[in-house]
C-alpha cells in the first residue's frame, strides 16, 4: 500500500478541508497526542498520562483518528472568558470528535505569558492533562482524545468534549479568551 503524503505547510492549509495534515505528520513523527501550532508554545504532559502514542507513525495516527471520528462531520465551537479565581470551562456538548483544537489568548498587555494547566475531558472524565507554556499572546494547540493502553496512548472517540483550564495551577488572568472546537473527519480530510 502506498503511504499517505502529508502537507507540510500548516499556514497554507489552515481551515481548509484536511488542514490537520501538518499536525498529523508532526505528531506521528514523534508519536505525540498533542501539537502546538507555533514553536513558541511548549506543551508539557502531566505525569500520570502517557507521553507517546501506540501509533508509531503518521499513517497509523491518521487512521486511528479517522476511526475515532467515525465519519462525523459535526462541528462544535465554544468560547469562555476567564473570571477571577475560577476554572474556565468550554463545554462542546454531545458532538463526537477525536480531539479538540484549543486557543488561549488575551491582549499583549494583559496576557501573563505563564503556564496553563488544561484538561481535555469526556464529560466529567479527564482524558488528558497538559501544561501549555506560550511565549506569545496566543496559544494554539491540538489535543487528541486518548486512553492509557499499557502506558501508551491510543486515540479514542470523545462523546462529550470539554476543555477545563485549572485556575489554581494556571497563569490565567481575568479576560483571557479560551476558544475550543471539536475535530472531526472534515479536519482530517484525505490528507493526500
Protein backbone atom coordinates (compact mmCIF):
# COMPACT_ATOMS: atom_id res chain seq x y z
CA UNK A 1 0.00 0.00 0.00
CA UNK A 2 1.26 3.48 -0.92
CA UNK A 3 1.92 5.72 2.13
CA UNK A 4 -0.17 8.85 2.53
CA UNK A 5 1.54 12.12 1.56
CA UNK A 6 1.01 14.91 4.08
CA UNK A 7 1.05 18.66 3.53
CA UNK A 8 3.95 20.20 5.48
CA UNK A 9 2.94 23.86 5.30
CA UNK A 10 0.46 24.48 8.13
CA UNK A 11 -0.03 28.14 7.25
CA UNK A 12 -1.40 27.41 3.78
CA UNK A 13 -3.69 24.63 5.00
CA UNK A 14 -5.39 26.35 7.95
CA UNK A 15 -9.18 25.94 7.93
CA UNK A 16 -9.18 24.00 4.64
CA UNK A 17 -10.59 20.50 4.48
CA UNK A 18 -7.80 18.33 5.82
CA UNK A 19 -5.94 21.25 7.44
CA UNK A 20 -4.57 18.79 10.02
CA UNK A 21 -2.05 17.32 7.57
CA UNK A 22 0.92 19.14 9.09
CA UNK A 23 -0.27 18.40 12.63
CA UNK A 24 -0.74 14.67 11.95
CA UNK A 25 2.67 14.48 10.25
CA UNK A 26 4.38 16.21 13.21
CA UNK A 27 2.52 14.19 15.85
CA UNK A 28 3.09 10.91 14.01
CA UNK A 29 6.82 11.59 13.63
CA UNK A 30 7.25 11.98 17.39
CA UNK A 31 4.42 9.63 18.47
CA UNK A 32 2.62 12.51 20.22
CA UNK A 33 -1.05 13.03 21.04
CA UNK A 34 -0.63 16.81 21.27
CA UNK A 35 0.66 19.50 18.92
CA UNK A 36 1.36 23.23 19.15
CA UNK A 37 0.80 25.29 16.01
CA UNK A 38 3.73 27.54 16.96
CA UNK A 39 7.22 26.57 18.04
CA UNK A 40 6.87 29.39 20.58
CA UNK A 41 4.43 27.27 22.59
CA UNK A 42 5.68 24.45 24.80
CA UNK A 43 3.46 21.51 25.78
CA UNK A 44 4.30 19.51 28.90
CA UNK A 45 2.39 16.28 29.57
CA UNK A 46 1.22 15.76 33.16
CA UNK A 47 2.97 12.82 34.84
CA UNK A 48 0.00 10.48 35.06
CA UNK A 49 -0.65 10.48 31.29
CA UNK A 50 1.26 8.64 28.55
CA UNK A 51 3.99 10.53 26.73
CA UNK A 52 3.77 8.55 23.49
CA UNK A 53 1.07 7.06 21.30
CA UNK A 54 0.79 3.40 20.46
CA UNK A 55 0.60 4.67 16.86
CA UNK A 56 4.18 4.66 15.58
CA UNK A 57 3.93 6.91 12.51
CA UNK A 58 1.72 9.48 10.79
CA UNK A 59 -0.21 6.89 8.75
CA UNK A 60 -1.18 4.90 11.85
CA UNK A 61 -2.13 8.06 13.75
CA UNK A 62 -4.22 9.33 10.82
CA UNK A 63 -6.09 6.02 10.61
CA UNK A 64 -6.68 5.96 14.39
CA UNK A 65 -8.12 9.50 14.26
CA UNK A 66 -10.28 8.55 11.27
CA UNK A 67 -11.67 5.52 13.12
CA UNK A 68 -12.30 7.62 16.26
CA UNK A 69 -14.13 10.28 14.18
CA UNK A 70 -16.48 7.52 12.95
CA UNK A 71 -17.43 9.56 9.90
CA UNK A 72 -18.65 12.53 11.95
CA UNK A 73 -18.57 15.89 10.19
CA UNK A 74 -20.45 17.67 13.00
CA UNK A 75 -18.60 20.62 14.49
CA UNK A 76 -18.98 22.35 17.84
CA UNK A 77 -17.22 25.50 18.96
CA UNK A 78 -17.28 27.37 22.22
CA UNK A 79 -15.62 30.25 23.97
CA UNK A 80 -15.42 31.43 27.54
CA UNK A 81 -13.79 34.46 29.12
CA UNK A 82 -11.79 33.84 32.29
CA UNK A 83 -13.02 35.37 35.54
CA UNK A 84 -11.15 35.68 38.84
CA UNK A 85 -10.29 32.53 40.83
CA UNK A 86 -12.46 30.14 38.79
CA UNK A 87 -11.73 27.27 36.43
CA UNK A 88 -12.55 28.20 32.83
CA UNK A 89 -14.68 25.56 31.10
CA UNK A 90 -15.65 25.26 27.45
CA UNK A 91 -18.32 22.55 27.11
CA UNK A 92 -18.66 21.45 23.48
CA UNK A 93 -21.84 19.43 24.05
CA UNK A 94 -22.56 15.99 22.65
CA UNK A 95 -20.58 16.26 19.42
CA UNK A 96 -18.49 13.18 18.68
CA UNK A 97 -14.87 14.00 17.92
CA UNK A 98 -11.37 12.55 18.15
CA UNK A 99 -9.87 15.66 19.73
CA UNK A 100 -10.07 19.39 20.28
CA UNK A 101 -8.27 22.44 18.89
CA UNK A 102 -7.75 24.97 21.67
CA UNK A 103 -6.73 28.63 21.59
CA UNK A 104 -5.98 30.78 24.63
CA UNK A 105 -5.37 34.49 24.14
CA UNK A 106 -5.59 37.96 25.58
CA UNK A 107 -4.22 41.37 24.63
CA UNK A 108 -0.39 41.67 24.65
CA UNK A 109 -0.56 43.92 27.72
CA UNK A 110 -2.84 41.61 29.75
CA UNK A 111 -1.61 38.14 28.77
CA UNK A 112 0.50 36.60 31.56
CA UNK A 113 2.89 34.51 29.36
CA UNK A 114 2.97 31.88 32.08
CA UNK A 115 1.65 28.33 32.21
CA UNK A 116 -1.87 26.99 31.74
CA UNK A 117 -2.89 23.59 33.11
CA UNK A 118 -5.52 22.25 30.71
CA UNK A 119 -7.71 19.16 30.96
CA UNK A 120 -9.36 17.56 27.93
CA UNK A 121 -12.40 15.77 29.29
CA UNK A 122 -15.15 13.48 28.06
CA UNK A 123 -17.94 14.75 30.27
CA UNK A 124 -16.54 14.50 33.81
CA UNK A 125 -13.77 12.03 32.85
CA UNK A 126 -10.33 13.60 32.39
CA UNK A 127 -8.71 12.05 29.30
CA UNK A 128 -5.54 14.17 29.19
CA UNK A 129 -3.81 16.95 31.06
CA UNK A 130 -1.11 19.21 29.65
CA UNK A 131 0.64 22.34 30.76
CA UNK A 132 0.75 24.92 27.97
CA UNK A 133 3.56 27.50 28.12
CA UNK A 134 3.16 30.09 25.36
CA UNK A 135 5.78 32.73 24.57
CA UNK A 136 3.26 34.72 22.52
CA UNK A 137 -0.16 36.04 23.47
CA UNK A 138 -1.94 33.30 21.50
CA UNK A 139 -1.56 29.62 22.33
CA UNK A 140 -2.93 27.35 19.57
CA UNK A 141 -2.80 23.61 20.29
CA UNK A 142 -4.38 20.32 19.27
CA UNK A 143 -5.17 17.68 21.91
CA UNK A 144 -6.33 14.21 20.89
CA UNK A 145 -8.71 12.13 22.98
CA UNK A 146 -6.73 9.21 24.36
CA UNK A 147 -6.91 6.25 26.66
CA UNK A 148 -3.92 4.85 28.52
CA UNK A 149 -3.19 1.50 26.89
CA UNK A 150 -0.34 -0.13 28.82
CA UNK A 151 1.49 3.18 29.27
CA UNK A 152 0.95 4.31 25.68
CA UNK A 153 -1.83 6.48 24.31
CA UNK A 154 -4.50 5.11 21.98
CA UNK A 155 -6.73 7.60 20.15
CA UNK A 156 -10.39 7.21 21.14
CA UNK A 157 -13.66 8.97 20.27
CA UNK A 158 -14.89 11.65 22.66
CA UNK A 159 -18.67 11.76 23.16
CA UNK A 160 -18.92 14.96 25.23
CA UNK A 161 -15.73 17.02 24.73
CA UNK A 162 -14.91 19.62 27.34
CA UNK A 163 -11.87 21.83 27.97
CA UNK A 164 -11.09 22.95 31.51
CA UNK A 165 -8.33 25.44 32.37
CA UNK A 166 -7.45 24.69 36.01
CA UNK A 167 -7.21 28.11 37.63
CA UNK A 168 -5.29 27.02 40.76
CA UNK A 169 -2.27 25.88 38.72
CA UNK A 170 -2.50 28.32 35.80
CA UNK A 171 -1.38 31.85 34.97
CA UNK A 172 -4.92 32.52 33.83
CA UNK A 173 -6.00 36.12 34.21
CA UNK A 174 -9.34 37.90 34.01
CA UNK A 175 -10.22 38.47 30.36
CA UNK A 176 -8.30 35.53 28.89
CA UNK A 177 -10.34 34.13 26.00
CA UNK A 178 -10.46 30.33 25.82
CA UNK A 179 -11.76 29.05 22.48
CA UNK A 180 -12.22 25.38 21.58
CA UNK A 181 -13.53 23.44 18.60
CA UNK A 182 -14.09 19.75 18.07
CA UNK A 183 -12.03 17.88 15.49
CA UNK A 184 -13.87 15.71 13.01
CA UNK A 185 -13.42 13.83 9.76
CA UNK A 186 -13.56 17.04 7.75
CA UNK A 187 -10.48 18.34 9.59
CA UNK A 188 -8.65 15.15 8.65
CA UNK A 189 -9.79 15.17 5.03
CA UNK A 190 -7.99 12.72 2.78
CA UNK A 191 -4.54 14.02 3.72
CA UNK A 192 -3.15 13.03 0.34
